Amino acid sequence: MFVVFVLGCGGGDLIHAPAVAMGTPDVEIVGVDADFQIGPQASSTPFAGADTECFLGRGRIRGGGQSGDTAVQAWPAALKNGARRVRVRYPGMDEPLYGVLQLCAMPAHATPEPARSEYLIRVSENDVETTHNGTTSVVTERIWDGSHYYSWILWLSRKPLVSPTA
């Protein structure tokens, strides 16, 4: 049995999904410290981000107003808000990809409903191909509650993500 945690928010209640699973066959996400693993079977959500909506760059993730560069560079702020560094094992790749995974708080009445009960993470071949030549891929799941939100964000790279201010 999973319990959904409801958080107070000025714009309504926000929740974190109680479970997480990979929606792409043969793909696995592992915490860099090997403290959690996300595979095809649903399991308890291993960590939760901040009790606020996720942000990408200059603004809240709503609509399509974020430029690609802004979204790609938003991962350091996500780490400050509870995101975790991960390695992503993908079929056909000799080495796991580097990444940052943020499990977002979302409106309690967001649709589709399954997003409220389980973070279902999908990584397509195109998402992986985007990481060629040092490019970072930003993979998300969109949900809706009168405005666009995201339930999770995954930044992927073939090289370790290093903050531009480091």
N, C-alpha and C. Protein backbone atom coordinates (compact mmCIF):
# COMPACT_ATOMS: atom_id res chain seq x y z
N MET A 1 0.84 -1.17 0.00
CA MET A 1 0.00 0.00 0.00
C MET A 1 0.89 1.23 0.00
N PHE A 2 0.57 2.19 -0.85
CA PHE A 2 1.32 3.43 -0.94
C PHE A 2 0.51 4.56 -0.32
N VAL A 3 1.19 5.47 0.32
CA VAL A 3 0.54 6.64 0.91
C VAL A 3 1.02 7.86 0.16
N VAL A 4 0.12 8.73 -0.24
CA VAL A 4 0.48 9.95 -0.93
C VAL A 4 0.61 11.06 0.10
N PHE A 5 1.74 11.74 0.08
CA PHE A 5 1.97 12.85 1.00
C PHE A 5 1.45 14.12 0.36
N VAL A 6 0.60 14.86 1.07
CA VAL A 6 0.03 16.11 0.57
C VAL A 6 0.71 17.26 1.29
N LEU A 7 1.15 18.24 0.52
CA LEU A 7 1.87 19.38 1.05
C LEU A 7 1.06 20.65 0.83
N GLY A 8 1.08 21.56 1.78
CA GLY A 8 0.38 22.82 1.62
C GLY A 8 1.10 23.72 0.64
N CYS A 9 0.35 24.49 -0.10
CA CYS A 9 0.91 25.41 -1.08
C CYS A 9 -0.09 26.52 -1.32
N GLY A 10 0.41 27.72 -1.58
CA GLY A 10 -0.47 28.85 -1.81
C GLY A 10 -1.44 28.61 -2.94
N GLY A 11 -1.02 27.87 -4.00
CA GLY A 11 -1.88 27.63 -5.14
C GLY A 11 -2.65 26.33 -5.03
N GLY A 12 -2.61 25.64 -3.93
CA GLY A 12 -3.27 24.35 -3.78
C GLY A 12 -2.32 23.35 -3.20
N ASP A 13 -2.82 22.15 -2.95
CA ASP A 13 -2.00 21.11 -2.36
C ASP A 13 -1.06 20.51 -3.39
N LEU A 14 0.17 20.24 -2.96
CA LEU A 14 1.16 19.57 -3.79
C LEU A 14 1.47 18.22 -3.18
N ILE A 15 1.76 17.25 -4.03
CA ILE A 15 2.07 15.90 -3.56
C ILE A 15 3.34 15.39 -4.22
N HIS A 16 3.93 14.36 -3.63
CA HIS A 16 4.97 13.56 -4.25
C HIS A 16 4.38 12.18 -4.47
N ALA A 17 4.59 11.61 -5.65
CA ALA A 17 4.10 10.25 -5.90
C ALA A 17 4.81 9.29 -4.95
N PRO A 18 4.11 8.32 -4.39
CA PRO A 18 4.73 7.41 -3.43
C PRO A 18 5.56 6.29 -4.05
N ALA A 19 5.46 6.10 -5.38
CA ALA A 19 6.18 5.01 -6.03
C ALA A 19 6.90 5.53 -7.27
N VAL A 20 7.90 4.75 -7.72
CA VAL A 20 8.66 5.11 -8.91
C VAL A 20 9.02 3.83 -9.65
N ALA A 21 9.06 3.90 -10.99
CA ALA A 21 9.45 2.75 -11.81
C ALA A 21 9.96 3.25 -13.15
N MET A 22 10.75 2.42 -13.82
CA MET A 22 11.19 2.70 -15.18
C MET A 22 10.10 2.24 -16.13
N GLY A 23 9.76 3.08 -17.09
CA GLY A 23 8.78 2.72 -18.10
C GLY A 23 9.43 2.30 -19.41
N THR A 24 10.76 2.25 -19.44
CA THR A 24 11.50 1.84 -20.64
C THR A 24 12.17 0.50 -20.34
N PRO A 25 11.91 -0.53 -21.15
CA PRO A 25 12.51 -1.84 -20.89
C PRO A 25 14.04 -1.79 -20.84
N ASP A 26 14.59 -2.56 -19.92
CA ASP A 26 16.04 -2.76 -19.80
C ASP A 26 16.82 -1.50 -19.42
N VAL A 27 16.15 -0.46 -18.97
CA VAL A 27 16.83 0.75 -18.50
C VAL A 27 16.77 0.76 -16.99
N GLU A 28 17.85 1.20 -16.36
CA GLU A 28 17.94 1.23 -14.91
C GLU A 28 18.62 2.52 -14.47
N ILE A 29 18.10 3.13 -13.42
CA ILE A 29 18.70 4.32 -12.82
C ILE A 29 19.22 3.93 -11.44
N VAL A 30 20.47 4.30 -11.17
CA VAL A 30 21.09 3.98 -9.89
C VAL A 30 21.67 5.27 -9.30
N GLY A 31 21.44 5.49 -8.01
CA GLY A 31 22.05 6.63 -7.34
C GLY A 31 23.56 6.52 -7.41
N VAL A 32 24.28 7.64 -7.51
CA VAL A 32 25.74 7.57 -7.66
C VAL A 32 26.40 6.90 -6.46
N ASP A 33 25.78 6.94 -5.32
CA ASP A 33 26.31 6.26 -4.14
C ASP A 33 25.74 4.86 -4.00
N ALA A 34 25.04 4.39 -5.04
CA ALA A 34 24.39 3.08 -5.05
C ALA A 34 23.40 2.93 -3.89
N ASP A 35 22.84 4.08 -3.45
CA ASP A 35 21.90 4.05 -2.33
C ASP A 35 20.45 3.81 -2.77
N PHE A 36 20.20 3.82 -4.07
CA PHE A 36 18.87 3.46 -4.57
C PHE A 36 19.00 3.00 -6.01
N GLN A 37 17.97 2.27 -6.45
CA GLN A 37 17.92 1.74 -7.81
C GLN A 37 16.49 1.83 -8.28
N ILE A 38 16.30 2.28 -9.52
CA ILE A 38 14.96 2.36 -10.11
C ILE A 38 14.96 1.45 -11.33
N GLY A 39 14.10 0.45 -11.30
CA GLY A 39 13.98 -0.51 -12.39
C GLY A 39 12.54 -0.64 -12.83
N PRO A 40 12.22 -1.73 -13.53
CA PRO A 40 10.87 -1.88 -14.09
C PRO A 40 9.78 -2.14 -13.06
N GLN A 41 10.15 -2.67 -11.90
CA GLN A 41 9.15 -2.93 -10.87
C GLN A 41 8.97 -1.69 -10.00
N ALA A 42 7.73 -1.32 -9.75
CA ALA A 42 7.46 -0.16 -8.90
C ALA A 42 8.01 -0.40 -7.50
N SER A 43 8.63 0.62 -6.97
CA SER A 43 9.13 0.57 -5.60
C SER A 43 8.86 1.91 -4.94
N SER A 44 9.05 1.97 -3.65
CA SER A 44 8.82 3.22 -2.93
C SER A 44 9.75 4.31 -3.48
N THR A 45 9.24 5.51 -3.56
CA THR A 45 10.04 6.64 -4.03
C THR A 45 11.24 6.79 -3.10
N PRO A 46 12.48 6.74 -3.63
CA PRO A 46 13.66 6.71 -2.77
C PRO A 46 14.04 8.05 -2.15
N PHE A 47 13.54 9.14 -2.71
CA PHE A 47 13.83 10.47 -2.17
C PHE A 47 12.79 11.42 -2.73
N ALA A 48 12.65 12.55 -2.10
CA ALA A 48 11.70 13.57 -2.58
C ALA A 48 12.44 14.89 -2.68
N GLY A 49 12.11 15.64 -3.68
CA GLY A 49 12.69 16.97 -3.82
C GLY A 49 12.01 17.93 -2.87
N ALA A 50 12.24 19.21 -3.10
CA ALA A 50 11.62 20.25 -2.28
C ALA A 50 10.10 20.16 -2.39
N ASP A 51 9.44 20.68 -1.40
CA ASP A 51 7.98 20.66 -1.37
C ASP A 51 7.38 21.83 -2.15
N THR A 52 8.01 22.14 -3.27
CA THR A 52 7.54 23.19 -4.17
C THR A 52 7.59 22.64 -5.59
N GLU A 53 7.02 23.38 -6.52
CA GLU A 53 7.08 22.96 -7.91
C GLU A 53 8.52 23.00 -8.39
N CYS A 54 8.83 22.22 -9.39
CA CYS A 54 10.17 22.22 -9.97
C CYS A 54 10.40 23.48 -10.79
N PHE A 55 11.63 23.87 -10.90
CA PHE A 55 12.01 25.04 -11.68
C PHE A 55 13.03 24.65 -12.72
N LEU A 56 12.97 25.29 -13.86
CA LEU A 56 13.98 25.16 -14.91
C LEU A 56 14.42 26.57 -15.27
N GLY A 57 15.60 26.94 -14.87
CA GLY A 57 16.11 28.26 -15.24
C GLY A 57 15.35 29.39 -14.60
N ARG A 58 14.89 30.32 -15.42
CA ARG A 58 14.30 31.56 -14.93
C ARG A 58 12.91 31.42 -14.34
N GLY A 59 12.21 30.33 -14.61
CA GLY A 59 10.84 30.27 -14.17
C GLY A 59 10.35 28.88 -13.87
N ARG A 60 9.15 28.83 -13.35
CA ARG A 60 8.50 27.58 -13.05
C ARG A 60 8.30 26.80 -14.34
N ILE A 61 8.30 25.51 -14.26
CA ILE A 61 8.11 24.70 -15.46
C ILE A 61 6.63 24.69 -15.78
N ARG A 62 6.20 25.64 -16.56
CA ARG A 62 4.82 25.70 -17.03
C ARG A 62 4.85 26.11 -18.48
N GLY A 63 4.00 25.54 -19.27
CA GLY A 63 3.97 25.89 -20.67
C GLY A 63 5.28 25.55 -21.35
N GLY A 64 5.57 26.21 -22.43
CA GLY A 64 6.79 25.92 -23.18
C GLY A 64 7.73 27.10 -23.21
N GLY A 65 7.71 27.94 -22.19
CA GLY A 65 8.45 29.19 -22.23
C GLY A 65 9.92 29.11 -21.93
N GLN A 66 10.47 27.94 -21.67
CA GLN A 66 11.89 27.84 -21.33
C GLN A 66 12.71 27.51 -22.56
N SER A 67 13.82 28.22 -22.74
CA SER A 67 14.68 27.90 -23.86
C SER A 67 15.44 26.62 -23.55
N GLY A 68 15.92 25.94 -24.58
CA GLY A 68 16.66 24.71 -24.37
C GLY A 68 17.89 24.92 -23.51
N ASP A 69 18.66 25.99 -23.77
CA ASP A 69 19.86 26.25 -22.98
C ASP A 69 19.53 26.47 -21.52
N THR A 70 18.45 27.18 -21.25
CA THR A 70 18.04 27.43 -19.87
C THR A 70 17.69 26.12 -19.19
N ALA A 71 16.95 25.26 -19.86
CA ALA A 71 16.56 23.97 -19.29
C ALA A 71 17.79 23.10 -19.03
N VAL A 72 18.72 23.07 -19.96
CA VAL A 72 19.92 22.25 -19.82
C VAL A 72 20.74 22.70 -18.62
N GLN A 73 20.79 23.99 -18.35
CA GLN A 73 21.61 24.53 -17.27
C GLN A 73 20.90 24.60 -15.93
N ALA A 74 19.69 24.06 -15.82
CA ALA A 74 18.92 24.15 -14.58
C ALA A 74 19.26 23.07 -13.56
N TRP A 75 20.07 22.08 -13.92
CA TRP A 75 20.32 20.96 -13.01
C TRP A 75 21.03 21.37 -11.71
N PRO A 76 21.96 22.36 -11.69
CA PRO A 76 22.56 22.71 -10.39
C PRO A 76 21.52 23.22 -9.38
N ALA A 77 20.57 24.02 -9.86
CA ALA A 77 19.50 24.50 -8.97
C ALA A 77 18.64 23.33 -8.51
N ALA A 78 18.42 22.35 -9.39
CA ALA A 78 17.63 21.18 -9.01
C ALA A 78 18.33 20.40 -7.89
N LEU A 79 19.66 20.29 -7.95
CA LEU A 79 20.40 19.60 -6.88
C LEU A 79 20.20 20.31 -5.54
N LYS A 80 20.14 21.63 -5.56
CA LYS A 80 19.93 22.40 -4.33
C LYS A 80 18.52 22.18 -3.78
N ASN A 81 17.61 21.73 -4.65
CA ASN A 81 16.22 21.50 -4.24
C ASN A 81 15.87 20.03 -4.11
N GLY A 82 16.88 19.19 -3.89
CA GLY A 82 16.60 17.80 -3.57
C GLY A 82 16.81 16.79 -4.67
N ALA A 83 17.18 17.23 -5.88
CA ALA A 83 17.47 16.28 -6.95
C ALA A 83 18.71 15.47 -6.58
N ARG A 84 18.90 14.34 -7.23
CA ARG A 84 20.03 13.46 -6.91
C ARG A 84 20.83 13.13 -8.18
N ARG A 85 22.14 12.99 -8.01
CA ARG A 85 23.00 12.53 -9.11
C ARG A 85 22.78 11.03 -9.30
N VAL A 86 22.72 10.62 -10.57
CA VAL A 86 22.45 9.23 -10.90
C VAL A 86 23.33 8.76 -12.05
N ARG A 87 23.36 7.46 -12.25
CA ARG A 87 23.91 6.83 -13.46
C ARG A 87 22.75 6.07 -14.09
N VAL A 88 22.67 6.14 -15.41
CA VAL A 88 21.57 5.51 -16.14
C VAL A 88 22.15 4.45 -17.07
N ARG A 89 21.79 3.20 -16.81
CA ARG A 89 22.21 2.10 -17.67
C ARG A 89 21.19 1.96 -18.79
N TYR A 90 21.69 2.07 -20.03
CA TYR A 90 20.81 2.03 -21.20
C TYR A 90 21.30 0.94 -22.14
N PRO A 91 20.38 0.14 -22.71
CA PRO A 91 20.79 -0.96 -23.61
C PRO A 91 21.66 -0.46 -24.76
N GLY A 92 22.74 -1.20 -25.03
CA GLY A 92 23.61 -0.86 -26.14
C GLY A 92 24.70 0.15 -25.80
N MET A 93 24.67 0.72 -24.60
CA MET A 93 25.69 1.68 -24.18
C MET A 93 26.77 0.93 -23.40
N ASP A 94 28.04 1.17 -23.75
CA ASP A 94 29.14 0.52 -23.04
C ASP A 94 29.25 1.01 -21.60
N GLU A 95 29.00 2.29 -21.39
CA GLU A 95 29.09 2.89 -20.06
C GLU A 95 27.76 3.54 -19.70
N PRO A 96 27.39 3.53 -18.43
CA PRO A 96 26.17 4.23 -18.03
C PRO A 96 26.28 5.73 -18.29
N LEU A 97 25.16 6.35 -18.59
CA LEU A 97 25.10 7.80 -18.74
C LEU A 97 25.15 8.45 -17.36
N TYR A 98 25.61 9.68 -17.30
CA TYR A 98 25.58 10.47 -16.07
C TYR A 98 24.26 11.24 -16.08
N GLY A 99 23.74 11.53 -14.89
CA GLY A 99 22.50 12.27 -14.85
C GLY A 99 22.21 12.92 -13.52
N VAL A 100 21.17 13.72 -13.53
CA VAL A 100 20.58 14.31 -12.34
C VAL A 100 19.08 14.05 -12.45
N LEU A 101 18.50 13.48 -11.40
CA LEU A 101 17.07 13.16 -11.38
C LEU A 101 16.38 13.99 -10.33
N GLN A 102 15.32 14.69 -10.74
CA GLN A 102 14.50 15.46 -9.82
C GLN A 102 13.09 14.88 -9.83
N LEU A 103 12.63 14.46 -8.66
CA LEU A 103 11.25 13.98 -8.50
C LEU A 103 10.46 15.14 -7.92
N CYS A 104 9.56 15.67 -8.70
CA CYS A 104 8.91 16.94 -8.40
C CYS A 104 7.64 16.79 -7.55
N ALA A 105 7.36 17.83 -6.78
CA ALA A 105 6.05 17.95 -6.15
C ALA A 105 5.10 18.41 -7.25
N MET A 106 3.88 17.91 -7.22
CA MET A 106 2.91 18.26 -8.27
C MET A 106 1.54 18.50 -7.66
N PRO A 107 0.68 19.22 -8.37
CA PRO A 107 -0.67 19.47 -7.85
C PRO A 107 -1.40 18.17 -7.56
N ALA A 108 -2.12 18.14 -6.45
CA ALA A 108 -2.83 16.93 -6.02
C ALA A 108 -3.90 16.49 -7.02
N HIS A 109 -4.36 17.37 -7.88
CA HIS A 109 -5.41 17.01 -8.84
C HIS A 109 -4.90 16.98 -10.27
N ALA A 110 -3.57 16.87 -10.44
CA ALA A 110 -2.98 16.85 -11.79
C ALA A 110 -3.43 15.60 -12.54
N THR A 111 -3.46 15.72 -13.86
CA THR A 111 -3.77 14.59 -14.73
C THR A 111 -2.61 14.38 -15.68
N PRO A 112 -2.35 13.19 -16.14
CA PRO A 112 -3.14 12.00 -15.88
C PRO A 112 -2.96 11.49 -14.44
N GLU A 113 -3.99 10.87 -13.91
CA GLU A 113 -4.00 10.40 -12.52
C GLU A 113 -2.84 9.48 -12.19
N PRO A 114 -2.44 8.56 -13.08
CA PRO A 114 -1.33 7.67 -12.69
C PRO A 114 -0.06 8.41 -12.28
N ALA A 115 0.17 9.60 -12.81
CA ALA A 115 1.37 10.37 -12.43
C ALA A 115 1.36 10.73 -10.95
N ARG A 116 0.18 10.84 -10.36
CA ARG A 116 0.09 11.18 -8.94
C ARG A 116 0.42 9.99 -8.04
N SER A 117 0.32 8.78 -8.57
CA SER A 117 0.58 7.60 -7.74
C SER A 117 1.93 6.95 -8.04
N GLU A 118 2.53 7.28 -9.21
CA GLU A 118 3.81 6.67 -9.55
C GLU A 118 4.57 7.56 -10.53
N TYR A 119 5.83 7.85 -10.19
CA TYR A 119 6.72 8.48 -11.16
C TYR A 119 7.12 7.38 -12.14
N LEU A 120 6.67 7.46 -13.38
CA LEU A 120 7.01 6.46 -14.39
C LEU A 120 8.01 7.11 -15.35
N ILE A 121 9.27 6.72 -15.23
CA ILE A 121 10.35 7.38 -15.95
C ILE A 121 10.61 6.64 -17.25
N ARG A 122 10.56 7.39 -18.34
CA ARG A 122 10.79 6.83 -19.67
C ARG A 122 11.96 7.57 -20.32
N VAL A 123 12.89 6.81 -20.87
CA VAL A 123 14.04 7.39 -21.57
C VAL A 123 14.07 6.77 -22.96
N SER A 124 13.88 7.58 -23.98
CA SER A 124 13.82 7.06 -25.35
C SER A 124 15.22 7.00 -25.97
N GLU A 125 15.30 6.29 -27.06
CA GLU A 125 16.56 6.22 -27.81
C GLU A 125 16.97 7.62 -28.28
N ASN A 126 15.99 8.43 -28.67
CA ASN A 126 16.26 9.81 -29.09
C ASN A 126 16.87 10.63 -27.94
N ASP A 127 16.37 10.41 -26.71
CA ASP A 127 16.92 11.12 -25.54
C ASP A 127 18.40 10.78 -25.37
N VAL A 128 18.75 9.53 -25.59
CA VAL A 128 20.15 9.08 -25.46
C VAL A 128 20.98 9.62 -26.63
N GLU A 129 20.44 9.55 -27.85
CA GLU A 129 21.16 10.06 -29.02
C GLU A 129 21.49 11.55 -28.87
N THR A 130 20.63 12.29 -28.20
CA THR A 130 20.86 13.72 -28.00
C THR A 130 22.13 13.99 -27.21
N THR A 131 22.60 13.01 -26.45
CA THR A 131 23.78 13.22 -25.61
C THR A 131 25.10 13.11 -26.37
N HIS A 132 25.06 12.82 -27.66
CA HIS A 132 26.30 12.77 -28.46
C HIS A 132 26.97 14.14 -28.47
N ASN A 133 28.26 14.16 -28.64
CA ASN A 133 29.04 15.40 -28.78
C ASN A 133 28.94 16.31 -27.57
N GLY A 134 28.78 15.74 -26.38
CA GLY A 134 28.79 16.55 -25.17
C GLY A 134 27.50 17.28 -24.85
N THR A 135 26.45 17.01 -25.58
CA THR A 135 25.16 17.67 -25.34
C THR A 135 24.45 17.01 -24.17
N THR A 136 23.75 17.82 -23.39
CA THR A 136 22.93 17.31 -22.29
C THR A 136 21.49 17.21 -22.76
N SER A 137 20.87 16.08 -22.50
CA SER A 137 19.47 15.86 -22.83
C SER A 137 18.63 16.10 -21.58
N VAL A 138 17.50 16.79 -21.74
CA VAL A 138 16.57 17.03 -20.63
C VAL A 138 15.29 16.25 -20.94
N VAL A 139 15.00 15.25 -20.10
CA VAL A 139 13.85 14.37 -20.30
C VAL A 139 12.85 14.65 -19.18
N THR A 140 11.58 14.75 -19.52
CA THR A 140 10.56 15.10 -18.52
C THR A 140 9.28 14.31 -18.75
N GLU A 141 8.40 14.35 -17.75
CA GLU A 141 7.03 13.89 -17.91
C GLU A 141 6.11 15.07 -17.62
N ARG A 142 5.27 15.42 -18.59
CA ARG A 142 4.32 16.52 -18.44
C ARG A 142 3.04 16.03 -17.79
N ILE A 143 2.52 16.86 -16.92
CA ILE A 143 1.20 16.62 -16.32
C ILE A 143 0.42 17.92 -16.43
N TRP A 144 -0.86 17.89 -16.08
CA TRP A 144 -1.74 19.03 -16.31
C TRP A 144 -2.65 19.25 -15.11
N ASP A 145 -2.78 20.51 -14.70
CA ASP A 145 -3.72 20.91 -13.65
C ASP A 145 -4.19 22.33 -13.96
N GLY A 146 -4.71 22.53 -15.16
CA GLY A 146 -5.07 23.87 -15.59
C GLY A 146 -3.88 24.60 -16.18
N SER A 147 -2.69 24.19 -15.82
CA SER A 147 -1.42 24.67 -16.37
C SER A 147 -0.50 23.46 -16.51
N HIS A 148 0.55 23.62 -17.27
CA HIS A 148 1.51 22.52 -17.43
C HIS A 148 2.45 22.47 -16.22
N TYR A 149 2.70 21.27 -15.76
CA TYR A 149 3.67 20.98 -14.71
C TYR A 149 4.46 19.77 -15.18
N TYR A 150 5.47 19.43 -14.43
CA TYR A 150 6.22 18.21 -14.71
C TYR A 150 6.27 17.39 -13.44
N SER A 151 6.18 16.06 -13.58
CA SER A 151 6.26 15.22 -12.38
C SER A 151 7.71 14.84 -12.09
N TRP A 152 8.56 14.76 -13.11
CA TRP A 152 9.97 14.47 -12.90
C TRP A 152 10.77 15.08 -14.04
N ILE A 153 12.07 15.31 -13.76
CA ILE A 153 13.00 15.84 -14.76
C ILE A 153 14.28 15.01 -14.63
N LEU A 154 14.83 14.59 -15.76
CA LEU A 154 16.08 13.84 -15.79
C LEU A 154 17.02 14.50 -16.80
N TRP A 155 18.16 14.96 -16.30
CA TRP A 155 19.21 15.50 -17.17
C TRP A 155 20.17 14.35 -17.46
N LEU A 156 20.52 14.13 -18.73
CA LEU A 156 21.41 13.03 -19.13
C LEU A 156 22.61 13.56 -19.90
N SER A 157 23.77 12.95 -19.65
CA SER A 157 24.99 13.34 -20.35
C SER A 157 25.93 12.14 -20.43
N ARG A 158 26.80 12.14 -21.43
CA ARG A 158 27.81 11.08 -21.52
C ARG A 158 29.02 11.39 -20.66
N LYS A 159 29.11 12.63 -20.19
CA LYS A 159 30.20 13.05 -19.30
C LYS A 159 29.59 13.54 -17.99
N PRO A 160 30.38 13.49 -16.91
CA PRO A 160 29.84 14.00 -15.63
C PRO A 160 29.37 15.45 -15.78
N LEU A 161 28.22 15.75 -15.20
CA LEU A 161 27.70 17.12 -15.22
C LEU A 161 28.49 17.94 -14.22
N VAL A 162 29.10 19.01 -14.70
CA VAL A 162 29.92 19.88 -13.86
C VAL A 162 29.30 21.27 -13.91
N SER A 163 29.06 21.85 -12.75
CA SER A 163 28.47 23.18 -12.67
C SER A 163 29.38 24.21 -13.33
N PRO A 164 28.79 25.14 -14.10
CA PRO A 164 29.60 26.16 -14.76
C PRO A 164 30.33 27.07 -13.75
N THR A 165 29.87 27.10 -12.51
CA THR A 165 30.51 27.94 -11.49
C THR A 165 31.52 27.17 -10.67
N ALA A 166 31.69 25.87 -10.96
CA ALA A 166 32.63 25.04 -10.19
C ALA A 166 34.07 25.31 -10.61
